Amino acid sequence: MINSIFRELLHEEVLANYMDDFIIPPKTRKKLEERTIWFLKIAEKHNLCFKQSKCDFNMEEISILEVVVEWGEVQMENYKIKAIKERKTPTKIKEVENFLEFANFY
């Protein structure tokens, strides 16, 4: 249902959503404002309500699903990068497999 309501925003890559989380990943503050208004107008048209305590607006950076979205770009969380860099060099096949499993997510 949500995907059909916000189909146009999703198609235009103005909006990303995961379950009940919505992210508007712009490149500029002006685009963020325009896209947020567009999103809220569609929500209002469909009588959708949001719990204000669960909403964050005008965020320059947001962490979701172990990645950081900042001005339209997705990056790994810093602690994940640090964990990969500090991991001991694998010496056994199983250790290599475990490392690749961990690192291939990104």
PDB file of N, CA and C in Angstrom:
ATOM      1  N   MET A   1       0.811  -1.192   0.000  1.00  0.00           N
ATOM      2  CA  MET A   1       0.000   0.000   0.000  1.00  0.00           C
ATOM      3  C   MET A   1       0.862   1.266   0.000  1.00  0.00           C
ATOM      4  N   ILE A   2       1.840   1.320   0.882  1.00  0.00           N
ATOM      5  CA  ILE A   2       2.711   2.496   0.964  1.00  0.00           C
ATOM      6  C   ILE A   2       3.457   2.690  -0.352  1.00  0.00           C
ATOM      7  N   ASN A   3       3.952   1.601  -0.929  1.00  0.00           N
ATOM      8  CA  ASN A   3       4.678   1.712  -2.194  1.00  0.00           C
ATOM      9  C   ASN A   3       3.793   2.281  -3.299  1.00  0.00           C
ATOM     10  N   SER A   4       2.513   1.921  -3.299  1.00  0.00           N
ATOM     11  CA  SER A   4       1.632   2.460  -4.337  1.00  0.00           C
ATOM     12  C   SER A   4       1.311   3.931  -4.080  1.00  0.00           C
ATOM     13  N   ILE A   5       1.158   4.318  -2.836  1.00  0.00           N
ATOM     14  CA  ILE A   5       0.880   5.723  -2.506  1.00  0.00           C
ATOM     15  C   ILE A   5       2.056   6.613  -2.905  1.00  0.00           C
ATOM     16  N   PHE A   6       3.259   6.165  -2.598  1.00  0.00           N
ATOM     17  CA  PHE A   6       4.452   6.969  -2.873  1.00  0.00           C
ATOM     18  C   PHE A   6       5.191   6.500  -4.123  1.00  0.00           C
ATOM     19  N   ARG A   7       4.485   5.815  -5.016  1.00  0.00           N
ATOM     20  CA  ARG A   7       5.083   5.246  -6.229  1.00  0.00           C
ATOM     21  C   ARG A   7       5.905   6.263  -7.009  1.00  0.00           C
ATOM     22  N   GLU A   8       5.349   7.447  -7.225  1.00  0.00           N
ATOM     23  CA  GLU A   8       6.037   8.459  -8.019  1.00  0.00           C
ATOM     24  C   GLU A   8       7.354   8.885  -7.358  1.00  0.00           C
ATOM     25  N   LEU A   9       7.328   9.099  -6.054  1.00  0.00           N
ATOM     26  CA  LEU A   9       8.547   9.489  -5.335  1.00  0.00           C
ATOM     27  C   LEU A   9       9.586   8.376  -5.375  1.00  0.00           C
ATOM     28  N   LEU A  10       9.142   7.149  -5.220  1.00  0.00           N
ATOM     29  CA  LEU A  10      10.059   6.013  -5.266  1.00  0.00           C
ATOM     30  C   LEU A  10      10.658   5.869  -6.661  1.00  0.00           C
ATOM     31  N   HIS A  11       9.822   6.017  -7.673  1.00  0.00           N
ATOM     32  CA  HIS A  11      10.279   5.895  -9.051  1.00  0.00           C
ATOM     33  C   HIS A  11      11.292   6.981  -9.414  1.00  0.00           C
ATOM     34  N   GLU A  12      11.046   8.182  -8.934  1.00  0.00           N
ATOM     35  CA  GLU A  12      11.941   9.318  -9.212  1.00  0.00           C
ATOM     36  C   GLU A  12      13.180   9.305  -8.316  1.00  0.00           C
ATOM     37  N   GLU A  13      13.273   8.321  -7.421  1.00  0.00           N
ATOM     38  CA  GLU A  13      14.376   8.198  -6.456  1.00  0.00           C
ATOM     39  C   GLU A  13      14.461   9.418  -5.530  1.00  0.00           C
ATOM     40  N   VAL A  14      13.293   9.975  -5.224  1.00  0.00           N
ATOM     41  CA  VAL A  14      13.176  11.082  -4.295  1.00  0.00           C
ATOM     42  C   VAL A  14      13.024  10.537  -2.884  1.00  0.00           C
ATOM     43  N   LEU A  15      12.569   9.300  -2.795  1.00  0.00           N
ATOM     44  CA  LEU A  15      12.240   8.686  -1.517  1.00  0.00           C
ATOM     45  C   LEU A  15      12.740   7.251  -1.501  1.00  0.00           C
ATOM     46  N   ALA A  16      13.226   6.843  -0.358  1.00  0.00           N
ATOM     47  CA  ALA A  16      13.567   5.436  -0.132  1.00  0.00           C
ATOM     48  C   ALA A  16      12.805   5.019   1.115  1.00  0.00           C
ATOM     49  N   ASN A  17      12.308   3.804   1.109  1.00  0.00           N
ATOM     50  CA  ASN A  17      11.630   3.361   2.318  1.00  0.00           C
ATOM     51  C   ASN A  17      11.975   1.915   2.625  1.00  0.00           C
ATOM     52  N   TYR A  18      11.977   1.629   3.920  1.00  0.00           N
ATOM     53  CA  TYR A  18      12.187   0.277   4.422  1.00  0.00           C
ATOM     54  C   TYR A  18      11.180   0.103   5.550  1.00  0.00           C
ATOM     55  N   MET A  19      10.236  -0.787   5.314  1.00  0.00           N
ATOM     56  CA  MET A  19       9.145  -1.031   6.253  1.00  0.00           C
ATOM     57  C   MET A  19       8.431   0.284   6.579  1.00  0.00           C
ATOM     58  N   ASP A  20       8.573   0.803   7.791  1.00  0.00           N
ATOM     59  CA  ASP A  20       7.887   2.057   8.114  1.00  0.00           C
ATOM     60  C   ASP A  20       8.850   3.232   8.240  1.00  0.00           C
ATOM     61  N   ASP A  21      10.038   3.090   7.655  1.00  0.00           N
ATOM     62  CA  ASP A  21      11.017   4.176   7.651  1.00  0.00           C
ATOM     63  C   ASP A  21      11.070   4.802   6.261  1.00  0.00           C
ATOM     64  N   PHE A  22      11.087   6.118   6.218  1.00  0.00           N
ATOM     65  CA  PHE A  22      11.184   6.854   4.965  1.00  0.00           C
ATOM     66  C   PHE A  22      12.426   7.718   5.007  1.00  0.00           C
ATOM     67  N   ILE A  23      13.161   7.726   3.897  1.00  0.00           N
ATOM     68  CA  ILE A  23      14.358   8.559   3.803  1.00  0.00           C
ATOM     69  C   ILE A  23      14.244   9.373   2.523  1.00  0.00           C
ATOM     70  N   ILE A  24      14.503  10.654   2.636  1.00  0.00           N
ATOM     71  CA  ILE A  24      14.519  11.538   1.477  1.00  0.00           C
ATOM     72  C   ILE A  24      15.972  11.972   1.303  1.00  0.00           C
ATOM     73  N   PRO A  25      16.711  11.315   0.393  1.00  0.00           N
ATOM     74  CA  PRO A  25      18.150  11.572   0.270  1.00  0.00           C
ATOM     75  C   PRO A  25      18.497  12.624  -0.791  1.00  0.00           C
ATOM     76  N   PRO A  26      18.517  13.917  -0.447  1.00  0.00           N
ATOM     77  CA  PRO A  26      18.819  14.962  -1.429  1.00  0.00           C
ATOM     78  C   PRO A  26      20.314  15.283  -1.487  1.00  0.00           C
ATOM     79  N   LYS A  27      20.675  16.062  -2.485  1.00  0.00           N
ATOM     80  CA  LYS A  27      22.061  16.524  -2.598  1.00  0.00           C
ATOM     81  C   LYS A  27      22.233  17.918  -1.984  1.00  0.00           C
ATOM     82  N   THR A  28      21.120  18.660  -1.847  1.00  0.00           N
ATOM     83  CA  THR A  28      21.186  20.013  -1.285  1.00  0.00           C
ATOM     84  C   THR A  28      20.043  20.232  -0.290  1.00  0.00           C
ATOM     85  N   ARG A  29      20.193  21.232   0.541  1.00  0.00           N
ATOM     86  CA  ARG A  29      19.150  21.560   1.520  1.00  0.00           C
ATOM     87  C   ARG A  29      17.870  22.011   0.808  1.00  0.00           C
ATOM     88  N   LYS A  30      17.999  22.738  -0.292  1.00  0.00           N
ATOM     89  CA  LYS A  30      16.836  23.196  -1.051  1.00  0.00           C
ATOM     90  C   LYS A  30      16.055  21.994  -1.588  1.00  0.00           C
ATOM     91  N   LYS A  31      16.753  21.030  -2.163  1.00  0.00           N
ATOM     92  CA  LYS A  31      16.096  19.810  -2.667  1.00  0.00           C
ATOM     93  C   LYS A  31      15.430  19.054  -1.526  1.00  0.00           C
ATOM     94  N   LEU A  32      16.078  19.013  -0.378  1.00  0.00           N
ATOM     95  CA  LEU A  32      15.508  18.334   0.783  1.00  0.00           C
ATOM     96  C   LEU A  32      14.169  18.966   1.152  1.00  0.00           C
ATOM     97  N   GLU A  33      14.142  20.285   1.198  1.00  0.00           N
ATOM     98  CA  GLU A  33      12.906  20.990   1.542  1.00  0.00           C
ATOM     99  C   GLU A  33      11.804  20.718   0.507  1.00  0.00           C
ATOM    100  N   GLU A  34      12.144  20.811  -0.782  1.00  0.00           N
ATOM    101  CA  GLU A  34      11.165  20.564  -1.846  1.00  0.00           C
ATOM    102  C   GLU A  34      10.613  19.137  -1.770  1.00  0.00           C
ATOM    103  N   ARG A  35      11.489  18.178  -1.595  1.00  0.00           N
ATOM    104  CA  ARG A  35      11.088  16.773  -1.571  1.00  0.00           C
ATOM    105  C   ARG A  35      10.271  16.445  -0.317  1.00  0.00           C
ATOM    106  N   THR A  36      10.621  17.065   0.796  1.00  0.00           N
ATOM    107  CA  THR A  36       9.869  16.838   2.038  1.00  0.00           C
ATOM    108  C   THR A  36       8.444  17.361   1.892  1.00  0.00           C
ATOM    109  N   ILE A  37       8.304  18.544   1.312  1.00  0.00           N
ATOM    110  CA  ILE A  37       6.965  19.114   1.097  1.00  0.00           C
ATOM    111  C   ILE A  37       6.164  18.220   0.157  1.00  0.00           C
ATOM    112  N   TRP A  38       6.787  17.747  -0.915  1.00  0.00           N
ATOM    113  CA  TRP A  38       6.136  16.854  -1.870  1.00  0.00           C
ATOM    114  C   TRP A  38       5.647  15.586  -1.158  1.00  0.00           C
ATOM    115  N   PHE A  39       6.522  14.999  -0.346  1.00  0.00           N
ATOM    116  CA  PHE A  39       6.198  13.793   0.421  1.00  0.00           C
ATOM    117  C   PHE A  39       5.014  14.048   1.369  1.00  0.00           C
ATOM    118  N   LEU A  40       5.074  15.155   2.105  1.00  0.00           N
ATOM    119  CA  LEU A  40       4.020  15.451   3.079  1.00  0.00           C
ATOM    120  C   LEU A  40       2.675  15.758   2.408  1.00  0.00           C
ATOM    121  N   LYS A  41       2.711  16.376   1.239  1.00  0.00           N
ATOM    122  CA  LYS A  41       1.456  16.641   0.511  1.00  0.00           C
ATOM    123  C   LYS A  41       0.794  15.331   0.079  1.00  0.00           C
ATOM    124  N   ILE A  42       1.586  14.395  -0.398  1.00  0.00           N
ATOM    125  CA  ILE A  42       1.041  13.093  -0.794  1.00  0.00           C
ATOM    126  C   ILE A  42       0.480  12.371   0.430  1.00  0.00           C
ATOM    127  N   ALA A  43       1.213  12.418   1.530  1.00  0.00           N
ATOM    128  CA  ALA A  43       0.745  11.774   2.767  1.00  0.00           C
ATOM    129  C   ALA A  43      -0.579  12.393   3.224  1.00  0.00           C
ATOM    130  N   GLU A  44      -0.660  13.702   3.165  1.00  0.00           N
ATOM    131  CA  GLU A  44      -1.890  14.390   3.574  1.00  0.00           C
ATOM    132  C   GLU A  44      -3.059  14.009   2.663  1.00  0.00           C
ATOM    133  N   LYS A  45      -2.797  13.927   1.370  1.00  0.00           N
ATOM    134  CA  LYS A  45      -3.836  13.551   0.400  1.00  0.00           C
ATOM    135  C   LYS A  45      -4.440  12.182   0.732  1.00  0.00           C
ATOM    136  N   HIS A  46      -3.622  11.294   1.275  1.00  0.00           N
ATOM    137  CA  HIS A  46      -4.068   9.934   1.600  1.00  0.00           C
ATOM    138  C   HIS A  46      -4.387   9.772   3.090  1.00  0.00           C
ATOM    139  N   ASN A  47      -4.497  10.881   3.797  1.00  0.00           N
ATOM    140  CA  ASN A  47      -4.840  10.891   5.223  1.00  0.00           C
ATOM    141  C   ASN A  47      -3.880  10.051   6.071  1.00  0.00           C
ATOM    142  N   LEU A  48      -2.613  10.089   5.723  1.00  0.00           N
ATOM    143  CA  LEU A  48      -1.605   9.371   6.510  1.00  0.00           C
ATOM    144  C   LEU A  48      -1.114  10.274   7.633  1.00  0.00           C
ATOM    145  N   CYS A  49      -0.932   9.698   8.780  1.00  0.00           N
ATOM    146  CA  CYS A  49      -0.440  10.439   9.939  1.00  0.00           C
ATOM    147  C   CYS A  49       0.881   9.840  10.393  1.00  0.00           C
ATOM    148  N   PHE A  50       1.738  10.673  10.938  1.00  0.00           N
ATOM    149  CA  PHE A  50       3.036  10.235  11.437  1.00  0.00           C
ATOM    150  C   PHE A  50       3.180  10.679  12.885  1.00  0.00           C
ATOM    151  N   LYS A  51       3.746   9.826  13.681  1.00  0.00           N
ATOM    152  CA  LYS A  51       3.991  10.158  15.082  1.00  0.00           C
ATOM    153  C   LYS A  51       5.188  11.108  15.132  1.00  0.00           C
ATOM    154  N   GLN A  52       4.951  12.327  15.572  1.00  0.00           N
ATOM    155  CA  GLN A  52       5.990  13.354  15.540  1.00  0.00           C
ATOM    156  C   GLN A  52       7.248  12.939  16.300  1.00  0.00           C
ATOM    157  N   SER A  53       7.087  12.218  17.384  1.00  0.00           N
ATOM    158  CA  SER A  53       8.254  11.815  18.178  1.00  0.00           C
ATOM    159  C   SER A  53       9.142  10.817  17.430  1.00  0.00           C
ATOM    160  N   LYS A  54       8.618  10.212  16.363  1.00  0.00           N
ATOM    161  CA  LYS A  54       9.405   9.255  15.581  1.00  0.00           C
ATOM    162  C   LYS A  54       9.942   9.858  14.287  1.00  0.00           C
ATOM    163  N   CYS A  55       9.690  11.147  14.071  1.00  0.00           N
ATOM    164  CA  CYS A  55      10.105  11.812  12.837  1.00  0.00           C
ATOM    165  C   CYS A  55      11.309  12.719  13.080  1.00  0.00           C
ATOM    166  N   ASP A  56      12.229  12.681  12.159  1.00  0.00           N
ATOM    167  CA  ASP A  56      13.368  13.599  12.159  1.00  0.00           C
ATOM    168  C   ASP A  56      13.366  14.318  10.817  1.00  0.00           C
ATOM    169  N   PHE A  57      13.328  15.641  10.846  1.00  0.00           N
ATOM    170  CA  PHE A  57      13.317  16.413   9.617  1.00  0.00           C
ATOM    171  C   PHE A  57      14.619  17.191   9.477  1.00  0.00           C
ATOM    172  N   ASN A  58      14.968  17.489   8.237  1.00  0.00           N
ATOM    173  CA  ASN A  58      16.154  18.289   7.896  1.00  0.00           C
ATOM    174  C   ASN A  58      17.439  17.699   8.447  1.00  0.00           C
ATOM    175  N   MET A  59      17.535  16.389   8.412  1.00  0.00           N
ATOM    176  CA  MET A  59      18.742  15.709   8.873  1.00  0.00           C
ATOM    177  C   MET A  59      19.781  15.717   7.751  1.00  0.00           C
ATOM    178  N   GLU A  60      20.984  16.154   8.053  1.00  0.00           N
ATOM    179  CA  GLU A  60      22.063  16.118   7.060  1.00  0.00           C
ATOM    180  C   GLU A  60      22.619  14.708   6.915  1.00  0.00           C
ATOM    181  N   GLU A  61      22.471  13.933   7.977  1.00  0.00           N
ATOM    182  CA  GLU A  61      23.015  12.574   7.996  1.00  0.00           C
ATOM    183  C   GLU A  61      22.094  11.699   8.836  1.00  0.00           C
ATOM    184  N   ILE A  62      21.875  10.477   8.374  1.00  0.00           N
ATOM    185  CA  ILE A  62      21.039   9.549   9.133  1.00  0.00           C
ATOM    186  C   ILE A  62      21.613   8.144   9.002  1.00  0.00           C
ATOM    187  N   SER A  63      21.603   7.411  10.106  1.00  0.00           N
ATOM    188  CA  SER A  63      22.048   6.019  10.105  1.00  0.00           C
ATOM    189  C   SER A  63      20.823   5.119  10.035  1.00  0.00           C
ATOM    190  N   ILE A  64      20.865   4.177   9.110  1.00  0.00           N
ATOM    191  CA  ILE A  64      19.775   3.219   8.976  1.00  0.00           C
ATOM    192  C   ILE A  64      20.333   1.930   8.386  1.00  0.00           C
ATOM    193  N   LEU A  65      19.949   0.829   8.973  1.00  0.00           N
ATOM    194  CA  LEU A  65      20.372  -0.496   8.495  1.00  0.00           C
ATOM    195  C   LEU A  65      21.890  -0.607   8.345  1.00  0.00           C
ATOM    196  N   GLU A  66      22.596  -0.065   9.307  1.00  0.00           N
ATOM    197  CA  GLU A  66      24.054  -0.152   9.379  1.00  0.00           C
ATOM    198  C   GLU A  66      24.792   0.585   8.265  1.00  0.00           C
ATOM    199  N   VAL A  67      24.117   1.558   7.640  1.00  0.00           N
ATOM    200  CA  VAL A  67      24.772   2.446   6.688  1.00  0.00           C
ATOM    201  C   VAL A  67      24.399   3.884   7.049  1.00  0.00           C
ATOM    202  N   VAL A  68      25.168   4.819   6.521  1.00  0.00           N
ATOM    203  CA  VAL A  68      24.911   6.237   6.754  1.00  0.00           C
ATOM    204  C   VAL A  68      24.495   6.857   5.422  1.00  0.00           C
ATOM    205  N   VAL A  69      23.391   7.594   5.451  1.00  0.00           N
ATOM    206  CA  VAL A  69      22.939   8.326   4.269  1.00  0.00           C
ATOM    207  C   VAL A  69      23.206   9.795   4.556  1.00  0.00           C
ATOM    208  N   GLU A  70      24.031  10.407   3.693  1.00  0.00           N
ATOM    209  CA  GLU A  70      24.409  11.802   3.897  1.00  0.00           C
ATOM    210  C   GLU A  70      24.405  12.512   2.555  1.00  0.00           C
ATOM    211  N   TRP A  71      23.540  13.504   2.412  1.00  0.00           N
ATOM    212  CA  TRP A  71      23.396  14.290   1.188  1.00  0.00           C
ATOM    213  C   TRP A  71      23.334  13.419  -0.061  1.00  0.00           C
ATOM    214  N   GLY A  72      22.481  12.408  -0.010  1.00  0.00           N
ATOM    215  CA  GLY A  72      22.217  11.575  -1.176  1.00  0.00           C
ATOM    216  C   GLY A  72      23.221  10.474  -1.417  1.00  0.00           C
ATOM    217  N   GLU A  73      24.199  10.325  -0.560  1.00  0.00           N
ATOM    218  CA  GLU A  73      25.197   9.276  -0.717  1.00  0.00           C
ATOM    219  C   GLU A  73      25.112   8.298   0.444  1.00  0.00           C
ATOM    220  N   VAL A  74      25.357   7.032   0.126  1.00  0.00           N
ATOM    221  CA  VAL A  74      25.305   5.971   1.130  1.00  0.00           C
ATOM    222  C   VAL A  74      26.729   5.514   1.416  1.00  0.00           C
ATOM    223  N   GLN A  75      27.059   5.436   2.698  1.00  0.00           N
ATOM    224  CA  GLN A  75      28.399   5.017   3.121  1.00  0.00           C
ATOM    225  C   GLN A  75      28.282   4.002   4.245  1.00  0.00           C
ATOM    226  N   MET A  76      29.354   3.258   4.440  1.00  0.00           N
ATOM    227  CA  MET A  76      29.408   2.329   5.567  1.00  0.00           C
ATOM    228  C   MET A  76      29.506   3.117   6.869  1.00  0.00           C
ATOM    229  N   GLU A  77      29.013   2.525   7.938  1.00  0.00           N
ATOM    230  CA  GLU A  77      29.205   3.101   9.270  1.00  0.00           C
ATOM    231  C   GLU A  77      30.706   3.080   9.577  1.00  0.00           C
ATOM    232  N   ASN A  78      31.192   4.126  10.222  1.00  0.00           N
ATOM    233  CA  ASN A  78      32.630   4.216  10.534  1.00  0.00           C
ATOM    234  C   ASN A  78      33.115   3.044  11.385  1.00  0.00           C
ATOM    235  N   TYR A  79      32.287   2.583  12.314  1.00  0.00           N
ATOM    236  CA  TYR A  79      32.733   1.489  13.167  1.00  0.00           C
ATOM    237  C   TYR A  79      32.886   0.190  12.365  1.00  0.00           C
ATOM    238  N   LYS A  80      32.144   0.045  11.274  1.00  0.00           N
ATOM    239  CA  LYS A  80      32.296  -1.128  10.415  1.00  0.00           C
ATOM    240  C   LYS A  80      33.610  -1.062   9.642  1.00  0.00           C
ATOM    241  N   ILE A  81      33.938   0.119   9.142  1.00  0.00           N
ATOM    242  CA  ILE A  81      35.201   0.308   8.428  1.00  0.00           C
ATOM    243  C   ILE A  81      36.364   0.012   9.367  1.00  0.00           C
ATOM    244  N   LYS A  82      36.261   0.533  10.584  1.00  0.00           N
ATOM    245  CA  LYS A  82      37.311   0.312  11.588  1.00  0.00           C
ATOM    246  C   LYS A  82      37.452  -1.178  11.896  1.00  0.00           C
ATOM    247  N   ALA A  83      36.328  -1.873  12.019  1.00  0.00           N
ATOM    248  CA  ALA A  83      36.362  -3.311  12.321  1.00  0.00           C
ATOM    249  C   ALA A  83      37.044  -4.094  11.203  1.00  0.00           C
ATOM    250  N   ILE A  84      36.799  -3.702   9.970  1.00  0.00           N
ATOM    251  CA  ILE A  84      37.438  -4.390   8.835  1.00  0.00           C
ATOM    252  C   ILE A  84      38.938  -4.121   8.838  1.00  0.00           C
ATOM    253  N   LYS A  85      39.321  -2.869   9.055  1.00  0.00           N
ATOM    254  CA  LYS A  85      40.744  -2.504   9.048  1.00  0.00           C
ATOM    255  C   LYS A  85      41.516  -3.163  10.185  1.00  0.00           C
ATOM    256  N   GLU A  86      40.865  -3.290  11.353  1.00  0.00           N
ATOM    257  CA  GLU A  86      41.563  -3.817  12.528  1.00  0.00           C
ATOM    258  C   GLU A  86      41.482  -5.336  12.644  1.00  0.00           C
ATOM    259  N   ARG A  87      40.761  -5.968  11.798  1.00  0.00           N
ATOM    260  CA  ARG A  87      40.609  -7.421  11.854  1.00  0.00           C
ATOM    261  C   ARG A  87      41.941  -8.086  11.538  1.00  0.00           C
ATOM    262  N   LYS A  88      42.244  -9.117  12.279  1.00  0.00           N
ATOM    263  CA  LYS A  88      43.496  -9.839  12.048  1.00  0.00           C
ATOM    264  C   LYS A  88      43.473 -10.487  10.673  1.00  0.00           C
ATOM    265  N   THR A  89      44.628 -10.584  10.059  1.00  0.00           N
ATOM    266  CA  THR A  89      44.735 -11.239   8.759  1.00  0.00           C
ATOM    267  C   THR A  89      44.353 -12.702   8.907  1.00  0.00           C
ATOM    268  N   PRO A  90      43.395 -13.161   8.088  1.00  0.00           N
ATOM    269  CA  PRO A  90      42.963 -14.559   8.193  1.00  0.00           C
ATOM    270  C   PRO A  90      44.094 -15.516   7.806  1.00  0.00           C
ATOM    271  N   THR A  91      44.193 -16.605   8.536  1.00  0.00           N
ATOM    272  CA  THR A  91      45.235 -17.597   8.252  1.00  0.00           C
ATOM    273  C   THR A  91      44.646 -18.952   7.886  1.00  0.00           C
ATOM    274  N   LYS A  92      43.353 -19.101   8.091  1.00  0.00           N
ATOM    275  CA  LYS A  92      42.680 -20.365   7.782  1.00  0.00           C
ATOM    276  C   LYS A  92      41.535 -20.102   6.806  1.00  0.00           C
ATOM    277  N   ILE A  93      41.171 -21.126   6.084  1.00  0.00           N
ATOM    278  CA  ILE A  93      40.101 -20.997   5.098  1.00  0.00           C
ATOM    279  C   ILE A  93      38.813 -20.494   5.746  1.00  0.00           C
ATOM    280  N   LYS A  94      38.457 -21.042   6.882  1.00  0.00           N
ATOM    281  CA  LYS A  94      37.226 -20.638   7.569  1.00  0.00           C
ATOM    282  C   LYS A  94      37.287 -19.160   7.973  1.00  0.00           C
ATOM    283  N   GLU A  95      38.456 -18.686   8.398  1.00  0.00           N
ATOM    284  CA  GLU A  95      38.611 -17.273   8.759  1.00  0.00           C
ATOM    285  C   GLU A  95      38.444 -16.383   7.529  1.00  0.00           C
ATOM    286  N   VAL A  96      38.970 -16.806   6.393  1.00  0.00           N
ATOM    287  CA  VAL A  96      38.809 -16.053   5.138  1.00  0.00           C
ATOM    288  C   VAL A  96      37.332 -16.005   4.764  1.00  0.00           C
ATOM    289  N   GLU A  97      36.656 -17.144   4.863  1.00  0.00           N
ATOM    290  CA  GLU A  97      35.224 -17.197   4.557  1.00  0.00           C
ATOM    291  C   GLU A  97      34.432 -16.256   5.455  1.00  0.00           C
ATOM    292  N   ASN A  98      34.750 -16.261   6.746  1.00  0.00           N
ATOM    293  CA  ASN A  98      34.059 -15.379   7.695  1.00  0.00           C
ATOM    294  C   ASN A  98      34.287 -13.905   7.359  1.00  0.00           C
ATOM    295  N   PHE A  99      35.545 -13.578   7.020  1.00  0.00           N
ATOM    296  CA  PHE A  99      35.857 -12.196   6.656  1.00  0.00           C
ATOM    297  C   PHE A  99      35.093 -11.784   5.402  1.00  0.00           C
ATOM    298  N   LEU A 100      35.085 -12.635   4.389  1.00  0.00           N
ATOM    299  CA  LEU A 100      34.393 -12.317   3.143  1.00  0.00           C
ATOM    300  C   LEU A 100      32.886 -12.174   3.362  1.00  0.00           C
ATOM    301  N   GLU A 101      32.339 -13.006   4.208  1.00  0.00           N
ATOM    302  CA  GLU A 101      30.920 -12.895   4.555  1.00  0.00           C
ATOM    303  C   GLU A 101      30.616 -11.527   5.148  1.00  0.00           C
ATOM    304  N   PHE A 102      31.474 -11.117   6.080  1.00  0.00           N
ATOM    305  CA  PHE A 102      31.310  -9.837   6.760  1.00  0.00           C
ATOM    306  C   PHE A 102      31.492  -8.675   5.779  1.00  0.00           C
ATOM    307  N   ALA A 103      32.563  -8.723   4.998  1.00  0.00           N
ATOM    308  CA  ALA A 103      32.912  -7.597   4.122  1.00  0.00           C
ATOM    309  C   ALA A 103      32.036  -7.534   2.876  1.00  0.00           C
ATOM    310  N   ASN A 104      31.531  -8.640   2.395  1.00  0.00           N
ATOM    311  CA  ASN A 104      30.737  -8.646   1.166  1.00  0.00           C
ATOM    312  C   ASN A 104      29.391  -7.969   1.325  1.00  0.00           C
ATOM    313  N   PHE A 105      28.921  -7.802   2.537  1.00  0.00           N
ATOM    314  CA  PHE A 105      27.685  -7.079   2.737  1.00  0.00           C
ATOM    315  C   PHE A 105      27.783  -5.685   2.138  1.00  0.00           C
ATOM    316  N   TYR A 106      28.977  -5.106   2.219  1.00  0.00           N
ATOM    317  CA  TYR A 106      29.200  -3.760   1.714  1.00  0.00           C
ATOM    318  C   TYR A 106      29.771  -3.772   0.330  1.00  0.00           C
TER     319      TYR A 106
END
